[in-house]
Amino acid sequence: MQPVIIKWVDITTELVWNDDKPKIKPLEFTSIGFLVEDRDEYVVVSDTDGEWGQHTAYPRGCILQMRELKDGKPNRVAKVRNKRTSRKN
């Protein structure tokens, strides 16, 4: 299986008291694993190289970047097919 690094965002919540304006934004994370499935809607990554291990499905809309690893170093940026990459802020 191909090792990858995935940068992704997740939902964040914050309890706000009084009239304070919340200073909240989605949190960014980086995960490393082995690519199991690469689908249009999501990517599945395993924590081990083999049949067994914990598998995590990342929705495409949450993925900021996915890089393949070669010899333990980032190689190239894999295709990230989601609307987030084409959105202008």
PDB file of N, CA and C in Angstrom:
ATOM      1  N   MET A   1       0.848  -1.191   0.000  1.00  0.00           N
ATOM      2  CA  MET A   1       0.000   0.000   0.000  1.00  0.00           C
ATOM      3  C   MET A   1       0.887   1.246   0.000  1.00  0.00           C
ATOM      4  N   GLN A   2       0.377   2.302  -0.593  1.00  0.00           N
ATOM      5  CA  GLN A   2       1.107   3.565  -0.711  1.00  0.00           C
ATOM      6  C   GLN A   2       0.987   4.383   0.582  1.00  0.00           C
ATOM      7  N   PRO A   3       2.119   4.760   1.222  1.00  0.00           N
ATOM      8  CA  PRO A   3       2.031   5.633   2.391  1.00  0.00           C
ATOM      9  C   PRO A   3       1.719   7.070   1.962  1.00  0.00           C
ATOM     10  N   VAL A   4       0.869   7.754   2.752  1.00  0.00           N
ATOM     11  CA  VAL A   4       0.446   9.115   2.437  1.00  0.00           C
ATOM     12  C   VAL A   4       0.401   9.981   3.691  1.00  0.00           C
ATOM     13  N   ILE A   5       0.504  11.280   3.475  1.00  0.00           N
ATOM     14  CA  ILE A   5       0.255  12.285   4.512  1.00  0.00           C
ATOM     15  C   ILE A   5      -0.995  13.035   4.073  1.00  0.00           C
ATOM     16  N   ILE A   6      -1.971  13.146   4.970  1.00  0.00           N
ATOM     17  CA  ILE A   6      -3.208  13.859   4.658  1.00  0.00           C
ATOM     18  C   ILE A   6      -3.352  15.044   5.603  1.00  0.00           C
ATOM     19  N   LYS A   7      -3.527  16.248   5.034  1.00  0.00           N
ATOM     20  CA  LYS A   7      -3.875  17.434   5.818  1.00  0.00           C
ATOM     21  C   LYS A   7      -5.372  17.613   5.652  1.00  0.00           C
ATOM     22  N   TRP A   8      -6.095  17.734   6.788  1.00  0.00           N
ATOM     23  CA  TRP A   8      -7.549  17.784   6.728  1.00  0.00           C
ATOM     24  C   TRP A   8      -8.108  18.684   7.818  1.00  0.00           C
ATOM     25  N   VAL A   9      -9.360  19.092   7.641  1.00  0.00           N
ATOM     26  CA  VAL A   9     -10.035  19.948   8.618  1.00  0.00           C
ATOM     27  C   VAL A   9     -11.191  19.182   9.249  1.00  0.00           C
ATOM     28  N   ASP A  10     -11.525  19.568  10.489  1.00  0.00           N
ATOM     29  CA  ASP A  10     -12.614  18.918  11.203  1.00  0.00           C
ATOM     30  C   ASP A  10     -13.517  19.972  11.828  1.00  0.00           C
ATOM     31  N   ILE A  11     -14.706  19.541  12.154  1.00  0.00           N
ATOM     32  CA  ILE A  11     -15.693  20.400  12.804  1.00  0.00           C
ATOM     33  C   ILE A  11     -15.193  20.801  14.188  1.00  0.00           C
ATOM     34  N   THR A  12     -15.483  22.037  14.582  1.00  0.00           N
ATOM     35  CA  THR A  12     -15.106  22.544  15.894  1.00  0.00           C
ATOM     36  C   THR A  12     -16.332  23.194  16.524  1.00  0.00           C
ATOM     37  N   THR A  13     -16.488  23.021  17.814  1.00  0.00           N
ATOM     38  CA  THR A  13     -17.572  23.694  18.526  1.00  0.00           C
ATOM     39  C   THR A  13     -16.993  24.507  19.671  1.00  0.00           C
ATOM     40  N   GLU A  14     -17.735  25.519  20.067  1.00  0.00           N
ATOM     41  CA  GLU A  14     -17.300  26.372  21.171  1.00  0.00           C
ATOM     42  C   GLU A  14     -18.533  26.907  21.877  1.00  0.00           C
ATOM     43  N   LEU A  15     -18.531  26.834  23.188  1.00  0.00           N
ATOM     44  CA  LEU A  15     -19.621  27.377  23.981  1.00  0.00           C
ATOM     45  C   LEU A  15     -19.321  28.851  24.229  1.00  0.00           C
ATOM     46  N   VAL A  16     -20.247  29.729  23.845  1.00  0.00           N
ATOM     47  CA  VAL A  16     -20.032  31.176  23.975  1.00  0.00           C
ATOM     48  C   VAL A  16     -20.991  31.710  25.034  1.00  0.00           C
ATOM     49  N   TRP A  17     -20.448  32.491  25.962  1.00  0.00           N
ATOM     50  CA  TRP A  17     -21.239  33.089  27.027  1.00  0.00           C
ATOM     51  C   TRP A  17     -21.417  34.570  26.777  1.00  0.00           C
ATOM     52  N   ASN A  18     -22.518  35.092  27.305  1.00  0.00           N
ATOM     53  CA  ASN A  18     -22.836  36.516  27.206  1.00  0.00           C
ATOM     54  C   ASN A  18     -22.910  36.941  25.751  1.00  0.00           C
ATOM     55  N   ASP A  19     -22.369  38.105  25.455  1.00  0.00           N
ATOM     56  CA  ASP A  19     -22.400  38.631  24.089  1.00  0.00           C
ATOM     57  C   ASP A  19     -21.045  38.516  23.423  1.00  0.00           C
ATOM     58  N   ASP A  20     -20.165  37.671  23.988  1.00  0.00           N
ATOM     59  CA  ASP A  20     -18.840  37.501  23.384  1.00  0.00           C
ATOM     60  C   ASP A  20     -18.982  36.940  21.974  1.00  0.00           C
ATOM     61  N   LYS A  21     -18.218  37.524  21.063  1.00  0.00           N
ATOM     62  CA  LYS A  21     -18.215  37.017  19.694  1.00  0.00           C
ATOM     63  C   LYS A  21     -17.282  35.808  19.636  1.00  0.00           C
ATOM     64  N   PRO A  22     -17.748  34.671  19.112  1.00  0.00           N
ATOM     65  CA  PRO A  22     -16.890  33.489  19.075  1.00  0.00           C
ATOM     66  C   PRO A  22     -15.695  33.675  18.142  1.00  0.00           C
ATOM     67  N   LYS A  23     -14.552  33.169  18.589  1.00  0.00           N
ATOM     68  CA  LYS A  23     -13.331  33.189  17.778  1.00  0.00           C
ATOM     69  C   LYS A  23     -13.039  31.748  17.395  1.00  0.00           C
ATOM     70  N   ILE A  24     -13.842  31.242  16.513  1.00  0.00           N
ATOM     71  CA  ILE A  24     -13.785  29.821  16.217  1.00  0.00           C
ATOM     72  C   ILE A  24     -13.607  29.601  14.717  1.00  0.00           C
ATOM     73  N   LYS A  25     -12.893  28.555  14.402  1.00  0.00           N
ATOM     74  CA  LYS A  25     -12.741  28.123  13.013  1.00  0.00           C
ATOM     75  C   LYS A  25     -12.472  26.624  13.025  1.00  0.00           C
ATOM     76  N   PRO A  26     -12.700  25.947  11.905  1.00  0.00           N
ATOM     77  CA  PRO A  26     -12.410  24.514  11.878  1.00  0.00           C
ATOM     78  C   PRO A  26     -10.931  24.252  12.180  1.00  0.00           C
ATOM     79  N   LEU A  27     -10.652  23.149  12.856  1.00  0.00           N
ATOM     80  CA  LEU A  27      -9.278  22.794  13.203  1.00  0.00           C
ATOM     81  C   LEU A  27      -8.635  21.996  12.075  1.00  0.00           C
ATOM     82  N   GLU A  28      -7.339  22.225  11.854  1.00  0.00           N
ATOM     83  CA  GLU A  28      -6.589  21.495  10.846  1.00  0.00           C
ATOM     84  C   GLU A  28      -5.738  20.419  11.509  1.00  0.00           C
ATOM     85  N   PHE A  29      -5.666  19.243  10.864  1.00  0.00           N
ATOM     86  CA  PHE A  29      -4.906  18.113  11.367  1.00  0.00           C
ATOM     87  C   PHE A  29      -4.055  17.527  10.253  1.00  0.00           C
ATOM     88  N   THR A  30      -3.037  16.781  10.639  1.00  0.00           N
ATOM     89  CA  THR A  30      -2.206  16.044   9.692  1.00  0.00           C
ATOM     90  C   THR A  30      -2.151  14.596  10.158  1.00  0.00           C
ATOM     91  N   SER A  31      -2.445  13.665   9.250  1.00  0.00           N
ATOM     92  CA  SER A  31      -2.409  12.240   9.550  1.00  0.00           C
ATOM     93  C   SER A  31      -1.521  11.526   8.548  1.00  0.00           C
ATOM     94  N   ILE A  32      -0.881  10.463   9.004  1.00  0.00           N
ATOM     95  CA  ILE A  32      -0.024   9.645   8.148  1.00  0.00           C
ATOM     96  C   ILE A  32      -0.557   8.219   8.169  1.00  0.00           C
ATOM     97  N   GLY A  33      -0.612   7.572   7.007  1.00  0.00           N
ATOM     98  CA  GLY A  33      -1.086   6.203   6.952  1.00  0.00           C
ATOM     99  C   GLY A  33      -0.860   5.604   5.578  1.00  0.00           C
ATOM    100  N   PHE A  34      -1.539   4.496   5.331  1.00  0.00           N
ATOM    101  CA  PHE A  34      -1.411   3.769   4.072  1.00  0.00           C
ATOM    102  C   PHE A  34      -2.728   3.847   3.313  1.00  0.00           C
ATOM    103  N   LEU A  35      -2.663   4.266   2.066  1.00  0.00           N
ATOM    104  CA  LEU A  35      -3.854   4.450   1.240  1.00  0.00           C
ATOM    105  C   LEU A  35      -4.495   3.103   0.918  1.00  0.00           C
ATOM    106  N   VAL A  36      -5.760   2.942   1.328  1.00  0.00           N
ATOM    107  CA  VAL A  36      -6.514   1.716   1.104  1.00  0.00           C
ATOM    108  C   VAL A  36      -7.462   1.892  -0.083  1.00  0.00           C
ATOM    109  N   GLU A  37      -8.218   2.995  -0.080  1.00  0.00           N
ATOM    110  CA  GLU A  37      -9.170   3.293  -1.155  1.00  0.00           C
ATOM    111  C   GLU A  37      -9.069   4.764  -1.527  1.00  0.00           C
ATOM    112  N   ASP A  38      -9.191   5.049  -2.816  1.00  0.00           N
ATOM    113  CA  ASP A  38      -9.172   6.421  -3.319  1.00  0.00           C
ATOM    114  C   ASP A  38     -10.399   6.594  -4.203  1.00  0.00           C
ATOM    115  N   ARG A  39     -11.477   7.100  -3.611  1.00  0.00           N
ATOM    116  CA  ARG A  39     -12.753   7.245  -4.321  1.00  0.00           C
ATOM    117  C   ARG A  39     -13.066   8.724  -4.545  1.00  0.00           C
ATOM    118  N   ASP A  40     -14.032   8.992  -5.407  1.00  0.00           N
ATOM    119  CA  ASP A  40     -14.417  10.378  -5.675  1.00  0.00           C
ATOM    120  C   ASP A  40     -14.969  11.078  -4.432  1.00  0.00           C
ATOM    121  N   GLU A  41     -15.701  10.349  -3.589  1.00  0.00           N
ATOM    122  CA  GLU A  41     -16.356  10.948  -2.425  1.00  0.00           C
ATOM    123  C   GLU A  41     -15.494  10.945  -1.166  1.00  0.00           C
ATOM    124  N   TYR A  42     -14.555   9.996  -1.062  1.00  0.00           N
ATOM    125  CA  TYR A  42     -13.757   9.861   0.152  1.00  0.00           C
ATOM    126  C   TYR A  42     -12.473   9.084  -0.124  1.00  0.00           C
ATOM    127  N   VAL A  43     -11.569   9.149   0.875  1.00  0.00           N
ATOM    128  CA  VAL A  43     -10.303   8.408   0.850  1.00  0.00           C
ATOM    129  C   VAL A  43     -10.242   7.583   2.121  1.00  0.00           C
ATOM    130  N   VAL A  44      -9.810   6.323   2.026  1.00  0.00           N
ATOM    131  CA  VAL A  44      -9.657   5.468   3.206  1.00  0.00           C
ATOM    132  C   VAL A  44      -8.172   5.218   3.427  1.00  0.00           C
ATOM    133  N   VAL A  45      -7.726   5.436   4.670  1.00  0.00           N
ATOM    134  CA  VAL A  45      -6.323   5.261   5.053  1.00  0.00           C
ATOM    135  C   VAL A  45      -6.257   4.312   6.242  1.00  0.00           C
ATOM    136  N   SER A  46      -5.262   3.423   6.233  1.00  0.00           N
ATOM    137  CA  SER A  46      -5.051   2.476   7.327  1.00  0.00           C
ATOM    138  C   SER A  46      -3.821   2.880   8.128  1.00  0.00           C
ATOM    139  N   ASP A  47      -3.820   2.537   9.420  1.00  0.00           N
ATOM    140  CA  ASP A  47      -2.654   2.845  10.256  1.00  0.00           C
ATOM    141  C   ASP A  47      -1.560   1.791  10.138  1.00  0.00           C
ATOM    142  N   THR A  48      -1.847   0.687   9.417  1.00  0.00           N
ATOM    143  CA  THR A  48      -0.833  -0.341   9.204  1.00  0.00           C
ATOM    144  C   THR A  48      -0.809  -0.751   7.734  1.00  0.00           C
ATOM    145  N   ASP A  49       0.326  -1.256   7.297  1.00  0.00           N
ATOM    146  CA  ASP A  49       0.475  -1.728   5.917  1.00  0.00           C
ATOM    147  C   ASP A  49       0.128  -3.209   5.887  1.00  0.00           C
ATOM    148  N   GLY A  50      -1.095  -3.527   5.535  1.00  0.00           N
ATOM    149  CA  GLY A  50      -1.559  -4.907   5.524  1.00  0.00           C
ATOM    150  C   GLY A  50      -3.062  -4.960   5.664  1.00  0.00           C
ATOM    151  N   GLU A  51      -3.606  -6.179   5.796  1.00  0.00           N
ATOM    152  CA  GLU A  51      -5.055  -6.345   5.889  1.00  0.00           C
ATOM    153  C   GLU A  51      -5.644  -5.809   7.185  1.00  0.00           C
ATOM    154  N   TRP A  52      -4.900  -5.877   8.259  1.00  0.00           N
ATOM    155  CA  TRP A  52      -5.423  -5.523   9.567  1.00  0.00           C
ATOM    156  C   TRP A  52      -5.004  -4.118   9.947  1.00  0.00           C
ATOM    157  N   GLY A  53      -5.762  -3.524  10.825  1.00  0.00           N
ATOM    158  CA  GLY A  53      -5.449  -2.193  11.320  1.00  0.00           C
ATOM    159  C   GLY A  53      -6.691  -1.327  11.348  1.00  0.00           C
ATOM    160  N   GLN A  54      -6.535  -0.149  11.881  1.00  0.00           N
ATOM    161  CA  GLN A  54      -7.649   0.787  11.952  1.00  0.00           C
ATOM    162  C   GLN A  54      -7.724   1.572  10.657  1.00  0.00           C
ATOM    163  N   HIS A  55      -8.901   1.575  10.038  1.00  0.00           N
ATOM    164  CA  HIS A  55      -9.125   2.304   8.800  1.00  0.00           C
ATOM    165  C   HIS A  55      -9.929   3.564   9.101  1.00  0.00           C
ATOM    166  N   THR A  56      -9.564   4.671   8.469  1.00  0.00           N
ATOM    167  CA  THR A  56     -10.256   5.938   8.634  1.00  0.00           C
ATOM    168  C   THR A  56     -10.687   6.436   7.264  1.00  0.00           C
ATOM    169  N   ALA A  57     -11.950   6.843   7.138  1.00  0.00           N
ATOM    170  CA  ALA A  57     -12.469   7.407   5.897  1.00  0.00           C
ATOM    171  C   ALA A  57     -12.500   8.929   6.029  1.00  0.00           C
ATOM    172  N   TYR A  58     -11.852   9.618   5.101  1.00  0.00           N
ATOM    173  CA  TYR A  58     -11.811  11.078   5.072  1.00  0.00           C
ATOM    174  C   TYR A  58     -12.689  11.567   3.925  1.00  0.00           C
ATOM    175  N   PRO A  59     -13.770  12.291   4.206  1.00  0.00           N
ATOM    176  CA  PRO A  59     -14.567  12.858   3.119  1.00  0.00           C
ATOM    177  C   PRO A  59     -13.709  13.838   2.304  1.00  0.00           C
ATOM    178  N   ARG A  60     -13.879  13.837   0.997  1.00  0.00           N
ATOM    179  CA  ARG A  60     -13.089  14.720   0.118  1.00  0.00           C
ATOM    180  C   ARG A  60     -13.192  16.182   0.534  1.00  0.00           C
ATOM    181  N   GLY A  61     -14.371  16.596   1.006  1.00  0.00           N
ATOM    182  CA  GLY A  61     -14.554  17.986   1.395  1.00  0.00           C
ATOM    183  C   GLY A  61     -13.719  18.411   2.592  1.00  0.00           C
ATOM    184  N   CYS A  62     -13.212  17.454   3.353  1.00  0.00           N
ATOM    185  CA  CYS A  62     -12.385  17.746   4.532  1.00  0.00           C
ATOM    186  C   CYS A  62     -10.891  17.756   4.210  1.00  0.00           C
ATOM    187  N   ILE A  63     -10.503  17.178   3.079  1.00  0.00           N
ATOM    188  CA  ILE A  63      -9.085  17.047   2.748  1.00  0.00           C
ATOM    189  C   ILE A  63      -8.560  18.330   2.111  1.00  0.00           C
ATOM    190  N   LEU A  64      -7.525  18.904   2.741  1.00  0.00           N
ATOM    191  CA  LEU A  64      -6.859  20.075   2.187  1.00  0.00           C
ATOM    192  C   LEU A  64      -5.754  19.670   1.215  1.00  0.00           C
ATOM    193  N   GLN A  65      -5.027  18.597   1.585  1.00  0.00           N
ATOM    194  CA  GLN A  65      -3.917  18.135   0.755  1.00  0.00           C
ATOM    195  C   GLN A  65      -3.619  16.682   1.088  1.00  0.00           C
ATOM    196  N   MET A  66      -3.230  15.917   0.071  1.00  0.00           N
ATOM    197  CA  MET A  66      -2.799  14.547   0.287  1.00  0.00           C
ATOM    198  C   MET A  66      -1.503  14.352  -0.496  1.00  0.00           C
ATOM    199  N   ARG A  67      -0.443  13.955   0.213  1.00  0.00           N
ATOM    200  CA  ARG A  67       0.860  13.753  -0.416  1.00  0.00           C
ATOM    201  C   ARG A  67       1.288  12.307  -0.272  1.00  0.00           C
ATOM    202  N   GLU A  68       1.803  11.745  -1.344  1.00  0.00           N
ATOM    203  CA  GLU A  68       2.361  10.398  -1.292  1.00  0.00           C
ATOM    204  C   GLU A  68       3.751  10.471  -0.676  1.00  0.00           C
ATOM    205  N   LEU A  69       4.131   9.422   0.046  1.00  0.00           N
ATOM    206  CA  LEU A  69       5.460   9.343   0.644  1.00  0.00           C
ATOM    207  C   LEU A  69       6.305   8.334  -0.120  1.00  0.00           C
ATOM    208  N   LYS A  70       7.560   8.659  -0.297  1.00  0.00           N
ATOM    209  CA  LYS A  70       8.506   7.729  -0.905  1.00  0.00           C
ATOM    210  C   LYS A  70       9.775   7.797  -0.077  1.00  0.00           C
ATOM    211  N   ASP A  71      10.243   6.652   0.397  1.00  0.00           N
ATOM    212  CA  ASP A  71      11.418   6.582   1.261  1.00  0.00           C
ATOM    213  C   ASP A  71      11.256   7.461   2.498  1.00  0.00           C
ATOM    214  N   GLY A  72      10.018   7.537   3.020  1.00  0.00           N
ATOM    215  CA  GLY A  72       9.752   8.296   4.238  1.00  0.00           C
ATOM    216  C   GLY A  72       9.681   9.788   4.051  1.00  0.00           C
ATOM    217  N   LYS A  73       9.742  10.280   2.799  1.00  0.00           N
ATOM    218  CA  LYS A  73       9.703  11.713   2.524  1.00  0.00           C
ATOM    219  C   LYS A  73       8.538  12.020   1.585  1.00  0.00           C
ATOM    220  N   PRO A  74       7.953  13.240   1.709  1.00  0.00           N
ATOM    221  CA  PRO A  74       6.881  13.600   0.784  1.00  0.00           C
ATOM    222  C   PRO A  74       7.374  13.539  -0.650  1.00  0.00           C
ATOM    223  N   ASN A  75       6.571  12.952  -1.520  1.00  0.00           N
ATOM    224  CA  ASN A  75       6.952  12.774  -2.911  1.00  0.00           C
ATOM    225  C   ASN A  75       6.224  13.777  -3.785  1.00  0.00           C
ATOM    226  N   ARG A  76       4.961  13.547  -4.025  1.00  0.00           N
ATOM    227  CA  ARG A  76       4.187  14.448  -4.862  1.00  0.00           C
ATOM    228  C   ARG A  76       2.818  14.633  -4.243  1.00  0.00           C
ATOM    229  N   VAL A  77       2.164  15.708  -4.630  1.00  0.00           N
ATOM    230  CA  VAL A  77       0.818  15.949  -4.144  1.00  0.00           C
ATOM    231  C   VAL A  77      -0.137  15.116  -4.978  1.00  0.00           C
ATOM    232  N   ALA A  78      -0.907  14.281  -4.301  1.00  0.00           N
ATOM    233  CA  ALA A  78      -1.910  13.481  -4.989  1.00  0.00           C
ATOM    234  C   ALA A  78      -3.098  14.373  -5.335  1.00  0.00           C
ATOM    235  N   LYS A  79      -3.923  13.931  -6.246  1.00  0.00           N
ATOM    236  CA  LYS A  79      -5.099  14.707  -6.630  1.00  0.00           C
ATOM    237  C   LYS A  79      -6.027  14.855  -5.437  1.00  0.00           C
ATOM    238  N   VAL A  80      -6.467  16.073  -5.201  1.00  0.00           N
ATOM    239  CA  VAL A  80      -7.472  16.331  -4.173  1.00  0.00           C
ATOM    240  C   VAL A  80      -8.700  16.816  -4.919  1.00  0.00           C
ATOM    241  N   ARG A  81      -9.680  15.936  -5.070  1.00  0.00           N
ATOM    242  CA  ARG A  81     -10.869  16.248  -5.855  1.00  0.00           C
ATOM    243  C   ARG A  81     -11.976  16.716  -4.933  1.00  0.00           C
ATOM    244  N   ASN A  82     -12.006  18.005  -4.675  1.00  0.00           N
ATOM    245  CA  ASN A  82     -13.129  18.555  -3.922  1.00  0.00           C
ATOM    246  C   ASN A  82     -13.299  20.027  -4.280  1.00  0.00           C
ATOM    247  N   LYS A  83     -14.412  20.586  -3.884  1.00  0.00           N
ATOM    248  CA  LYS A  83     -14.714  21.977  -4.197  1.00  0.00           C
ATOM    249  C   LYS A  83     -13.825  22.938  -3.426  1.00  0.00           C
ATOM    250  N   ARG A  84     -13.327  22.498  -2.260  1.00  0.00           N
ATOM    251  CA  ARG A  84     -12.515  23.339  -1.404  1.00  0.00           C
ATOM    252  C   ARG A  84     -11.283  23.877  -2.135  1.00  0.00           C
ATOM    253  N   THR A  85     -10.640  23.054  -2.971  1.00  0.00           N
ATOM    254  CA  THR A  85      -9.399  23.461  -3.641  1.00  0.00           C
ATOM    255  C   THR A  85      -9.652  24.499  -4.724  1.00  0.00           C
ATOM    256  N   SER A  86     -10.872  24.585  -5.248  1.00  0.00           N
ATOM    257  CA  SER A  86     -11.146  25.540  -6.317  1.00  0.00           C
ATOM    258  C   SER A  86     -11.852  26.788  -5.802  1.00  0.00           C
ATOM    259  N   ARG A  87     -12.167  26.808  -4.528  1.00  0.00           N
ATOM    260  CA  ARG A  87     -12.885  27.931  -3.934  1.00  0.00           C
ATOM    261  C   ARG A  87     -11.935  29.099  -3.697  1.00  0.00           C
ATOM    262  N   LYS A  88     -12.368  30.306  -4.039  1.00  0.00           N
ATOM    263  CA  LYS A  88     -11.565  31.510  -3.796  1.00  0.00           C
ATOM    264  C   LYS A  88     -12.116  32.217  -2.580  1.00  0.00           C
ATOM    265  N   ASN A  89     -11.207  32.630  -1.672  1.00  0.00           N
ATOM    266  CA  ASN A  89     -11.637  33.341  -0.436  1.00  0.00           C
ATOM    267  C   ASN A  89     -11.408  34.813  -0.574  1.00  0.00           C
TER     268      ASN A  89
END
